[in-house]
Amino acid sequence: MEARDLGNTISLYLPQAGGGQTPFAVLQERKEVRRFQTPDDARTFALELAGTLHERDNVPVRLRIEQEDGHWETVDVFLSAVTPPRRPP
């Protein structure tokens, strides 16, 4: 699950729950952030976390979502750093 190919990009992972009994987790890189009972709750939290991380750290954020067939889908949520507004002279 390593995804360091985008420099300072933060990756959030949403793996499938194993065996139908394990809650759905959201991981930042390899560290578990939180668990949820449904994949929709996990996605909602991951999107909110992505926005917070992007705003706080001023870096791109992407989601890696494991599909039921085991393949991973990559979604670039926030691609570029935030540019601060210009101040008038």
PDB file of N, CA and C in Angstrom:
ATOM      1  N   MET A   1       0.811  -1.205   0.000  1.00  0.00           N
ATOM      2  CA  MET A   1       0.000   0.000   0.000  1.00  0.00           C
ATOM      3  C   MET A   1       0.852   1.265   0.000  1.00  0.00           C
ATOM      4  N   GLU A   2       2.087   1.189  -0.323  1.00  0.00           N
ATOM      5  CA  GLU A   2       2.933   2.370  -0.288  1.00  0.00           C
ATOM      6  C   GLU A   2       2.674   3.245  -1.504  1.00  0.00           C
ATOM      7  N   ALA A   3       2.581   4.542  -1.294  1.00  0.00           N
ATOM      8  CA  ALA A   3       2.292   5.454  -2.395  1.00  0.00           C
ATOM      9  C   ALA A   3       3.081   6.737  -2.236  1.00  0.00           C
ATOM     10  N   ARG A   4       4.352   6.634  -2.320  1.00  0.00           N
ATOM     11  CA  ARG A   4       5.187   7.816  -2.149  1.00  0.00           C
ATOM     12  C   ARG A   4       5.701   8.339  -3.484  1.00  0.00           C
ATOM     13  N   ASP A   5       5.020   7.986  -4.563  1.00  0.00           N
ATOM     14  CA  ASP A   5       5.466   8.381  -5.884  1.00  0.00           C
ATOM     15  C   ASP A   5       5.070   9.809  -6.240  1.00  0.00           C
ATOM     16  N   LEU A   6       4.310  10.474  -5.395  1.00  0.00           N
ATOM     17  CA  LEU A   6       3.869  11.827  -5.698  1.00  0.00           C
ATOM     18  C   LEU A   6       4.483  12.859  -4.765  1.00  0.00           C
ATOM     19  N   GLY A   7       5.699  12.622  -4.331  1.00  0.00           N
ATOM     20  CA  GLY A   7       6.386  13.594  -3.490  1.00  0.00           C
ATOM     21  C   GLY A   7       5.731  13.746  -2.144  1.00  0.00           C
ATOM     22  N   ASN A   8       5.250  14.961  -1.861  1.00  0.00           N
ATOM     23  CA  ASN A   8       4.673  15.232  -0.546  1.00  0.00           C
ATOM     24  C   ASN A   8       3.165  14.978  -0.505  1.00  0.00           C
ATOM     25  N   THR A   9       2.620  14.272  -1.468  1.00  0.00           N
ATOM     26  CA  THR A   9       1.201  13.956  -1.487  1.00  0.00           C
ATOM     27  C   THR A   9       0.846  13.058  -0.304  1.00  0.00           C
ATOM     28  N   ILE A  10      -0.253  13.359   0.359  1.00  0.00           N
ATOM     29  CA  ILE A  10      -0.763  12.517   1.437  1.00  0.00           C
ATOM     30  C   ILE A  10      -1.753  11.532   0.832  1.00  0.00           C
ATOM     31  N   SER A  11      -1.593  10.257   1.165  1.00  0.00           N
ATOM     32  CA  SER A  11      -2.506   9.226   0.670  1.00  0.00           C
ATOM     33  C   SER A  11      -3.343   8.682   1.817  1.00  0.00           C
ATOM     34  N   LEU A  12      -4.644   8.605   1.577  1.00  0.00           N
ATOM     35  CA  LEU A  12      -5.567   7.982   2.518  1.00  0.00           C
ATOM     36  C   LEU A  12      -6.070   6.702   1.879  1.00  0.00           C
ATOM     37  N   TYR A  13      -6.080   5.606   2.636  1.00  0.00           N
ATOM     38  CA  TYR A  13      -6.482   4.301   2.119  1.00  0.00           C
ATOM     39  C   TYR A  13      -7.796   3.874   2.748  1.00  0.00           C
ATOM     40  N   LEU A  14      -8.656   3.288   1.924  1.00  0.00           N
ATOM     41  CA  LEU A  14      -9.919   2.735   2.378  1.00  0.00           C
ATOM     42  C   LEU A  14      -9.980   1.280   1.919  1.00  0.00           C
ATOM     43  N   PRO A  15      -9.413   0.349   2.714  1.00  0.00           N
ATOM     44  CA  PRO A  15      -9.451  -1.061   2.328  1.00  0.00           C
ATOM     45  C   PRO A  15     -10.833  -1.661   2.563  1.00  0.00           C
ATOM     46  N   GLN A  16     -11.116  -2.753   1.857  1.00  0.00           N
ATOM     47  CA  GLN A  16     -12.358  -3.491   2.083  1.00  0.00           C
ATOM     48  C   GLN A  16     -12.306  -4.142   3.465  1.00  0.00           C
ATOM     49  N   ALA A  17     -13.451  -4.233   4.096  1.00  0.00           N
ATOM     50  CA  ALA A  17     -13.522  -4.940   5.375  1.00  0.00           C
ATOM     51  C   ALA A  17     -13.328  -6.426   5.120  1.00  0.00           C
ATOM     52  N   GLY A  18     -12.556  -7.075   5.944  1.00  0.00           N
ATOM     53  CA  GLY A  18     -12.279  -8.495   5.752  1.00  0.00           C
ATOM     54  C   GLY A  18     -13.321  -9.393   6.400  1.00  0.00           C
ATOM     55  N   GLY A  19     -13.815 -10.360   5.662  1.00  0.00           N
ATOM     56  CA  GLY A  19     -14.730 -11.341   6.204  1.00  0.00           C
ATOM     57  C   GLY A  19     -16.110 -10.833   6.547  1.00  0.00           C
ATOM     58  N   GLY A  20     -16.425  -9.610   6.156  1.00  0.00           N
ATOM     59  CA  GLY A  20     -17.749  -9.082   6.402  1.00  0.00           C
ATOM     60  C   GLY A  20     -18.012  -8.676   7.846  1.00  0.00           C
ATOM     61  N   GLN A  21     -17.054  -8.912   8.761  1.00  0.00           N
ATOM     62  CA  GLN A  21     -17.274  -8.567  10.162  1.00  0.00           C
ATOM     63  C   GLN A  21     -16.375  -7.441  10.639  1.00  0.00           C
ATOM     64  N   THR A  22     -15.266  -7.249   9.979  1.00  0.00           N
ATOM     65  CA  THR A  22     -14.342  -6.195  10.370  1.00  0.00           C
ATOM     66  C   THR A  22     -14.878  -4.850   9.910  1.00  0.00           C
ATOM     67  N   PRO A  23     -14.856  -3.840  10.766  1.00  0.00           N
ATOM     68  CA  PRO A  23     -15.305  -2.517  10.327  1.00  0.00           C
ATOM     69  C   PRO A  23     -14.431  -1.974   9.197  1.00  0.00           C
ATOM     70  N   PHE A  24     -14.964  -1.027   8.474  1.00  0.00           N
ATOM     71  CA  PHE A  24     -14.231  -0.364   7.398  1.00  0.00           C
ATOM     72  C   PHE A  24     -13.313   0.678   8.022  1.00  0.00           C
ATOM     73  N   ALA A  25     -12.050   0.670   7.608  1.00  0.00           N
ATOM     74  CA  ALA A  25     -11.053   1.564   8.196  1.00  0.00           C
ATOM     75  C   ALA A  25     -10.619   2.629   7.203  1.00  0.00           C
ATOM     76  N   VAL A  26     -10.148   3.743   7.755  1.00  0.00           N
ATOM     77  CA  VAL A  26      -9.483   4.787   6.986  1.00  0.00           C
ATOM     78  C   VAL A  26      -8.065   4.846   7.519  1.00  0.00           C
ATOM     79  N   LEU A  27      -7.090   4.722   6.606  1.00  0.00           N
ATOM     80  CA  LEU A  27      -5.689   4.769   6.995  1.00  0.00           C
ATOM     81  C   LEU A  27      -5.013   5.956   6.329  1.00  0.00           C
ATOM     82  N   GLN A  28      -4.126   6.610   7.070  1.00  0.00           N
ATOM     83  CA  GLN A  28      -3.273   7.643   6.479  1.00  0.00           C
ATOM     84  C   GLN A  28      -1.898   7.020   6.370  1.00  0.00           C
ATOM     85  N   GLU A  29      -1.472   6.818   5.130  1.00  0.00           N
ATOM     86  CA  GLU A  29      -0.293   6.008   4.814  1.00  0.00           C
ATOM     87  C   GLU A  29      -0.544   4.624   5.424  1.00  0.00           C
ATOM     88  N   ARG A  30       0.202   4.196   6.415  1.00  0.00           N
ATOM     89  CA  ARG A  30      -0.012   2.852   6.983  1.00  0.00           C
ATOM     90  C   ARG A  30      -0.639   2.879   8.374  1.00  0.00           C
ATOM     91  N   LYS A  31      -0.993   4.043   8.860  1.00  0.00           N
ATOM     92  CA  LYS A  31      -1.528   4.177  10.209  1.00  0.00           C
ATOM     93  C   LYS A  31      -3.051   4.300  10.179  1.00  0.00           C
ATOM     94  N   GLU A  32      -3.719   3.446  10.959  1.00  0.00           N
ATOM     95  CA  GLU A  32      -5.177   3.513  11.024  1.00  0.00           C
ATOM     96  C   GLU A  32      -5.605   4.787  11.747  1.00  0.00           C
ATOM     97  N   VAL A  33      -6.541   5.516  11.112  1.00  0.00           N
ATOM     98  CA  VAL A  33      -7.047   6.759  11.688  1.00  0.00           C
ATOM     99  C   VAL A  33      -8.347   6.492  12.446  1.00  0.00           C
ATOM    100  N   ARG A  34      -9.252   5.722  11.810  1.00  0.00           N
ATOM    101  CA  ARG A  34     -10.554   5.469  12.424  1.00  0.00           C
ATOM    102  C   ARG A  34     -11.248   4.320  11.708  1.00  0.00           C
ATOM    103  N   ARG A  35     -12.204   3.657  12.406  1.00  0.00           N
ATOM    104  CA  ARG A  35     -13.000   2.565  11.829  1.00  0.00           C
ATOM    105  C   ARG A  35     -14.471   2.952  11.765  1.00  0.00           C
ATOM    106  N   PHE A  36     -15.153   2.374  10.764  1.00  0.00           N
ATOM    107  CA  PHE A  36     -16.572   2.662  10.546  1.00  0.00           C
ATOM    108  C   PHE A  36     -17.322   1.381  10.239  1.00  0.00           C
ATOM    109  N   GLN A  37     -18.624   1.395  10.481  1.00  0.00           N
ATOM    110  CA  GLN A  37     -19.459   0.227  10.214  1.00  0.00           C
ATOM    111  C   GLN A  37     -19.857   0.111   8.747  1.00  0.00           C
ATOM    112  N   THR A  38     -19.826   1.218   7.997  1.00  0.00           N
ATOM    113  CA  THR A  38     -20.220   1.176   6.591  1.00  0.00           C
ATOM    114  C   THR A  38     -19.144   1.826   5.722  1.00  0.00           C
ATOM    115  N   PRO A  39     -19.049   1.400   4.457  1.00  0.00           N
ATOM    116  CA  PRO A  39     -18.080   2.040   3.555  1.00  0.00           C
ATOM    117  C   PRO A  39     -18.452   3.488   3.265  1.00  0.00           C
ATOM    118  N   ASP A  40     -19.734   3.811   3.248  1.00  0.00           N
ATOM    119  CA  ASP A  40     -20.141   5.203   3.008  1.00  0.00           C
ATOM    120  C   ASP A  40     -19.655   6.128   4.120  1.00  0.00           C
ATOM    121  N   ASP A  41     -19.773   5.670   5.367  1.00  0.00           N
ATOM    122  CA  ASP A  41     -19.272   6.479   6.483  1.00  0.00           C
ATOM    123  C   ASP A  41     -17.765   6.661   6.391  1.00  0.00           C
ATOM    124  N   ALA A  42     -17.059   5.604   5.994  1.00  0.00           N
ATOM    125  CA  ALA A  42     -15.605   5.692   5.853  1.00  0.00           C
ATOM    126  C   ALA A  42     -15.235   6.685   4.750  1.00  0.00           C
ATOM    127  N   ARG A  43     -15.938   6.641   3.620  1.00  0.00           N
ATOM    128  CA  ARG A  43     -15.650   7.578   2.511  1.00  0.00           C
ATOM    129  C   ARG A  43     -15.937   9.020   2.920  1.00  0.00           C
ATOM    130  N   THR A  44     -17.056   9.240   3.593  1.00  0.00           N
ATOM    131  CA  THR A  44     -17.402  10.595   4.030  1.00  0.00           C
ATOM    132  C   THR A  44     -16.326  11.153   4.949  1.00  0.00           C
ATOM    133  N   PHE A  45     -15.900  10.352   5.915  1.00  0.00           N
ATOM    134  CA  PHE A  45     -14.849  10.777   6.834  1.00  0.00           C
ATOM    135  C   PHE A  45     -13.548  11.043   6.075  1.00  0.00           C
ATOM    136  N   ALA A  46     -13.190  10.149   5.146  1.00  0.00           N
ATOM    137  CA  ALA A  46     -11.947  10.302   4.391  1.00  0.00           C
ATOM    138  C   ALA A  46     -11.945  11.588   3.575  1.00  0.00           C
ATOM    139  N   LEU A  47     -13.081  11.921   2.973  1.00  0.00           N
ATOM    140  CA  LEU A  47     -13.167  13.170   2.198  1.00  0.00           C
ATOM    141  C   LEU A  47     -13.021  14.392   3.101  1.00  0.00           C
ATOM    142  N   GLU A  48     -13.651  14.351   4.272  1.00  0.00           N
ATOM    143  CA  GLU A  48     -13.519  15.466   5.219  1.00  0.00           C
ATOM    144  C   GLU A  48     -12.081  15.582   5.717  1.00  0.00           C
ATOM    145  N   LEU A  49     -11.464  14.431   6.026  1.00  0.00           N
ATOM    146  CA  LEU A  49     -10.077  14.429   6.475  1.00  0.00           C
ATOM    147  C   LEU A  49      -9.157  14.942   5.375  1.00  0.00           C
ATOM    148  N   ALA A  50      -9.407  14.544   4.144  1.00  0.00           N
ATOM    149  CA  ALA A  50      -8.597  15.015   3.011  1.00  0.00           C
ATOM    150  C   ALA A  50      -8.636  16.534   2.915  1.00  0.00           C
ATOM    151  N   GLY A  51      -9.821  17.107   3.063  1.00  0.00           N
ATOM    152  CA  GLY A  51      -9.939  18.566   3.024  1.00  0.00           C
ATOM    153  C   GLY A  51      -9.171  19.236   4.147  1.00  0.00           C
ATOM    154  N   THR A  52      -9.265  18.675   5.336  1.00  0.00           N
ATOM    155  CA  THR A  52      -8.551  19.225   6.491  1.00  0.00           C
ATOM    156  C   THR A  52      -7.042  19.147   6.296  1.00  0.00           C
ATOM    157  N   LEU A  53      -6.555  17.987   5.852  1.00  0.00           N
ATOM    158  CA  LEU A  53      -5.114  17.822   5.636  1.00  0.00           C
ATOM    159  C   LEU A  53      -4.597  18.743   4.537  1.00  0.00           C
ATOM    160  N   HIS A  54      -5.373  18.864   3.468  1.00  0.00           N
ATOM    161  CA  HIS A  54      -4.979  19.730   2.355  1.00  0.00           C
ATOM    162  C   HIS A  54      -4.875  21.184   2.817  1.00  0.00           C
ATOM    163  N   GLU A  55      -5.857  21.615   3.558  1.00  0.00           N
ATOM    164  CA  GLU A  55      -5.878  23.000   4.027  1.00  0.00           C
ATOM    165  C   GLU A  55      -4.769  23.248   5.051  1.00  0.00           C
ATOM    166  N   ARG A  56      -4.591  22.310   5.974  1.00  0.00           N
ATOM    167  CA  ARG A  56      -3.607  22.482   7.045  1.00  0.00           C
ATOM    168  C   ARG A  56      -2.175  22.400   6.538  1.00  0.00           C
ATOM    169  N   ASP A  57      -1.892  21.378   5.701  1.00  0.00           N
ATOM    170  CA  ASP A  57      -0.518  21.123   5.274  1.00  0.00           C
ATOM    171  C   ASP A  57      -0.181  21.699   3.906  1.00  0.00           C
ATOM    172  N   ASN A  58      -1.202  22.205   3.187  1.00  0.00           N
ATOM    173  CA  ASN A  58      -0.999  22.811   1.872  1.00  0.00           C
ATOM    174  C   ASN A  58      -0.312  21.837   0.908  1.00  0.00           C
ATOM    175  N   VAL A  59      -0.806  20.588   0.896  1.00  0.00           N
ATOM    176  CA  VAL A  59      -0.254  19.554   0.013  1.00  0.00           C
ATOM    177  C   VAL A  59      -1.390  18.830  -0.703  1.00  0.00           C
ATOM    178  N   PRO A  60      -1.080  18.181  -1.829  1.00  0.00           N
ATOM    179  CA  PRO A  60      -2.094  17.374  -2.514  1.00  0.00           C
ATOM    180  C   PRO A  60      -2.490  16.164  -1.660  1.00  0.00           C
ATOM    181  N   VAL A  61      -3.742  15.737  -1.804  1.00  0.00           N
ATOM    182  CA  VAL A  61      -4.244  14.564  -1.085  1.00  0.00           C
ATOM    183  C   VAL A  61      -4.972  13.670  -2.082  1.00  0.00           C
ATOM    184  N   ARG A  62      -4.756  12.351  -1.945  1.00  0.00           N
ATOM    185  CA  ARG A  62      -5.473  11.413  -2.796  1.00  0.00           C
ATOM    186  C   ARG A  62      -6.025  10.275  -1.950  1.00  0.00           C
ATOM    187  N   LEU A  63      -7.090   9.669  -2.455  1.00  0.00           N
ATOM    188  CA  LEU A  63      -7.694   8.511  -1.818  1.00  0.00           C
ATOM    189  C   LEU A  63      -7.358   7.273  -2.634  1.00  0.00           C
ATOM    190  N   ARG A  64      -7.086   6.172  -1.928  1.00  0.00           N
ATOM    191  CA  ARG A  64      -6.889   4.870  -2.570  1.00  0.00           C
ATOM    192  C   ARG A  64      -7.983   3.979  -1.998  1.00  0.00           C
ATOM    193  N   ILE A  65      -8.931   3.581  -2.842  1.00  0.00           N
ATOM    194  CA  ILE A  65     -10.112   2.839  -2.406  1.00  0.00           C
ATOM    195  C   ILE A  65     -10.048   1.427  -2.978  1.00  0.00           C
ATOM    196  N   GLU A  66     -10.073   0.432  -2.083  1.00  0.00           N
ATOM    197  CA  GLU A  66     -10.053  -0.960  -2.528  1.00  0.00           C
ATOM    198  C   GLU A  66     -11.465  -1.380  -2.931  1.00  0.00           C
ATOM    199  N   GLN A  67     -11.579  -1.899  -4.146  1.00  0.00           N
ATOM    200  CA  GLN A  67     -12.855  -2.385  -4.643  1.00  0.00           C
ATOM    201  C   GLN A  67     -13.110  -3.807  -4.136  1.00  0.00           C
ATOM    202  N   GLU A  68     -14.336  -4.272  -4.274  1.00  0.00           N
ATOM    203  CA  GLU A  68     -14.687  -5.614  -3.800  1.00  0.00           C
ATOM    204  C   GLU A  68     -13.858  -6.715  -4.463  1.00  0.00           C
ATOM    205  N   ASP A  69     -13.418  -6.467  -5.709  1.00  0.00           N
ATOM    206  CA  ASP A  69     -12.623  -7.475  -6.415  1.00  0.00           C
ATOM    207  C   ASP A  69     -11.128  -7.410  -6.065  1.00  0.00           C
ATOM    208  N   GLY A  70     -10.761  -6.522  -5.144  1.00  0.00           N
ATOM    209  CA  GLY A  70      -9.376  -6.424  -4.700  1.00  0.00           C
ATOM    210  C   GLY A  70      -8.541  -5.392  -5.423  1.00  0.00           C
ATOM    211  N   HIS A  71      -9.054  -4.797  -6.489  1.00  0.00           N
ATOM    212  CA  HIS A  71      -8.314  -3.754  -7.202  1.00  0.00           C
ATOM    213  C   HIS A  71      -8.468  -2.419  -6.463  1.00  0.00           C
ATOM    214  N   TRP A  72      -7.445  -1.591  -6.615  1.00  0.00           N
ATOM    215  CA  TRP A  72      -7.434  -0.293  -5.946  1.00  0.00           C
ATOM    216  C   TRP A  72      -7.730   0.815  -6.957  1.00  0.00           C
ATOM    217  N   GLU A  73      -8.623   1.709  -6.593  1.00  0.00           N
ATOM    218  CA  GLU A  73      -8.957   2.883  -7.388  1.00  0.00           C
ATOM    219  C   GLU A  73      -8.306   4.092  -6.727  1.00  0.00           C
ATOM    220  N   THR A  74      -7.664   4.920  -7.530  1.00  0.00           N
ATOM    221  CA  THR A  74      -7.047   6.138  -7.019  1.00  0.00           C
ATOM    222  C   THR A  74      -7.902   7.335  -7.398  1.00  0.00           C
ATOM    223  N   VAL A  75      -8.190   8.165  -6.400  1.00  0.00           N
ATOM    224  CA  VAL A  75      -8.971   9.375  -6.624  1.00  0.00           C
ATOM    225  C   VAL A  75      -8.146  10.544  -6.090  1.00  0.00           C
ATOM    226  N   ASP A  76      -7.722  11.425  -6.987  1.00  0.00           N
ATOM    227  CA  ASP A  76      -6.996  12.621  -6.571  1.00  0.00           C
ATOM    228  C   ASP A  76      -8.018  13.645  -6.119  1.00  0.00           C
ATOM    229  N   VAL A  77      -8.092  13.839  -4.808  1.00  0.00           N
ATOM    230  CA  VAL A  77      -9.111  14.704  -4.233  1.00  0.00           C
ATOM    231  C   VAL A  77      -8.694  16.160  -4.310  1.00  0.00           C
ATOM    232  N   PHE A  78      -7.495  16.460  -3.851  1.00  0.00           N
ATOM    233  CA  PHE A  78      -6.945  17.817  -3.915  1.00  0.00           C
ATOM    234  C   PHE A  78      -5.588  17.710  -4.583  1.00  0.00           C
ATOM    235  N   LEU A  79      -5.473  18.249  -5.793  1.00  0.00           N
ATOM    236  CA  LEU A  79      -4.254  18.061  -6.572  1.00  0.00           C
ATOM    237  C   LEU A  79      -3.167  19.073  -6.298  1.00  0.00           C
ATOM    238  N   SER A  80      -3.517  20.311  -6.082  1.00  0.00           N
ATOM    239  CA  SER A  80      -2.477  21.334  -5.987  1.00  0.00           C
ATOM    240  C   SER A  80      -2.504  22.001  -4.626  1.00  0.00           C
ATOM    241  N   ALA A  81      -1.399  22.629  -4.350  1.00  0.00           N
ATOM    242  CA  ALA A  81      -1.304  23.376  -3.108  1.00  0.00           C
ATOM    243  C   ALA A  81      -2.197  24.603  -3.179  1.00  0.00           C
ATOM    244  N   VAL A  82      -2.629  25.047  -2.030  1.00  0.00           N
ATOM    245  CA  VAL A  82      -3.485  26.218  -1.960  1.00  0.00           C
ATOM    246  C   VAL A  82      -2.638  27.458  -2.165  1.00  0.00           C
ATOM    247  N   THR A  83      -3.075  28.324  -3.064  1.00  0.00           N
ATOM    248  CA  THR A  83      -2.381  29.578  -3.304  1.00  0.00           C
ATOM    249  C   THR A  83      -3.046  30.679  -2.472  1.00  0.00           C
ATOM    250  N   PRO A  84      -2.308  31.311  -1.591  1.00  0.00           N
ATOM    251  CA  PRO A  84      -2.929  32.355  -0.784  1.00  0.00           C
ATOM    252  C   PRO A  84      -3.380  33.512  -1.646  1.00  0.00           C
ATOM    253  N   PRO A  85      -4.467  34.181  -1.265  1.00  0.00           N
ATOM    254  CA  PRO A  85      -4.936  35.323  -2.041  1.00  0.00           C
ATOM    255  C   PRO A  85      -3.915  36.444  -2.028  1.00  0.00           C
ATOM    256  N   ARG A  86      -3.878  37.191  -3.144  1.00  0.00           N
ATOM    257  CA  ARG A  86      -2.964  38.317  -3.246  1.00  0.00           C
ATOM    258  C   ARG A  86      -3.477  39.477  -2.407  1.00  0.00           C
ATOM    259  N   ARG A  87      -2.524  40.153  -1.792  1.00  0.00           N
ATOM    260  CA  ARG A  87      -2.888  41.349  -1.019  1.00  0.00           C
ATOM    261  C   ARG A  87      -2.696  42.569  -1.918  1.00  0.00           C
ATOM    262  N   PRO A  88      -3.606  43.481  -1.834  1.00  0.00           N
ATOM    263  CA  PRO A  88      -3.432  44.702  -2.641  1.00  0.00           C
ATOM    264  C   PRO A  88      -2.203  45.490  -2.178  1.00  0.00           C
ATOM    265  N   PRO A  89      -1.540  46.161  -3.115  1.00  0.00           N
ATOM    266  CA  PRO A  89      -0.324  46.928  -2.757  1.00  0.00           C
ATOM    267  C   PRO A  89      -0.622  48.098  -1.868  1.00  0.00           C
TER     268      PRO A  89
END
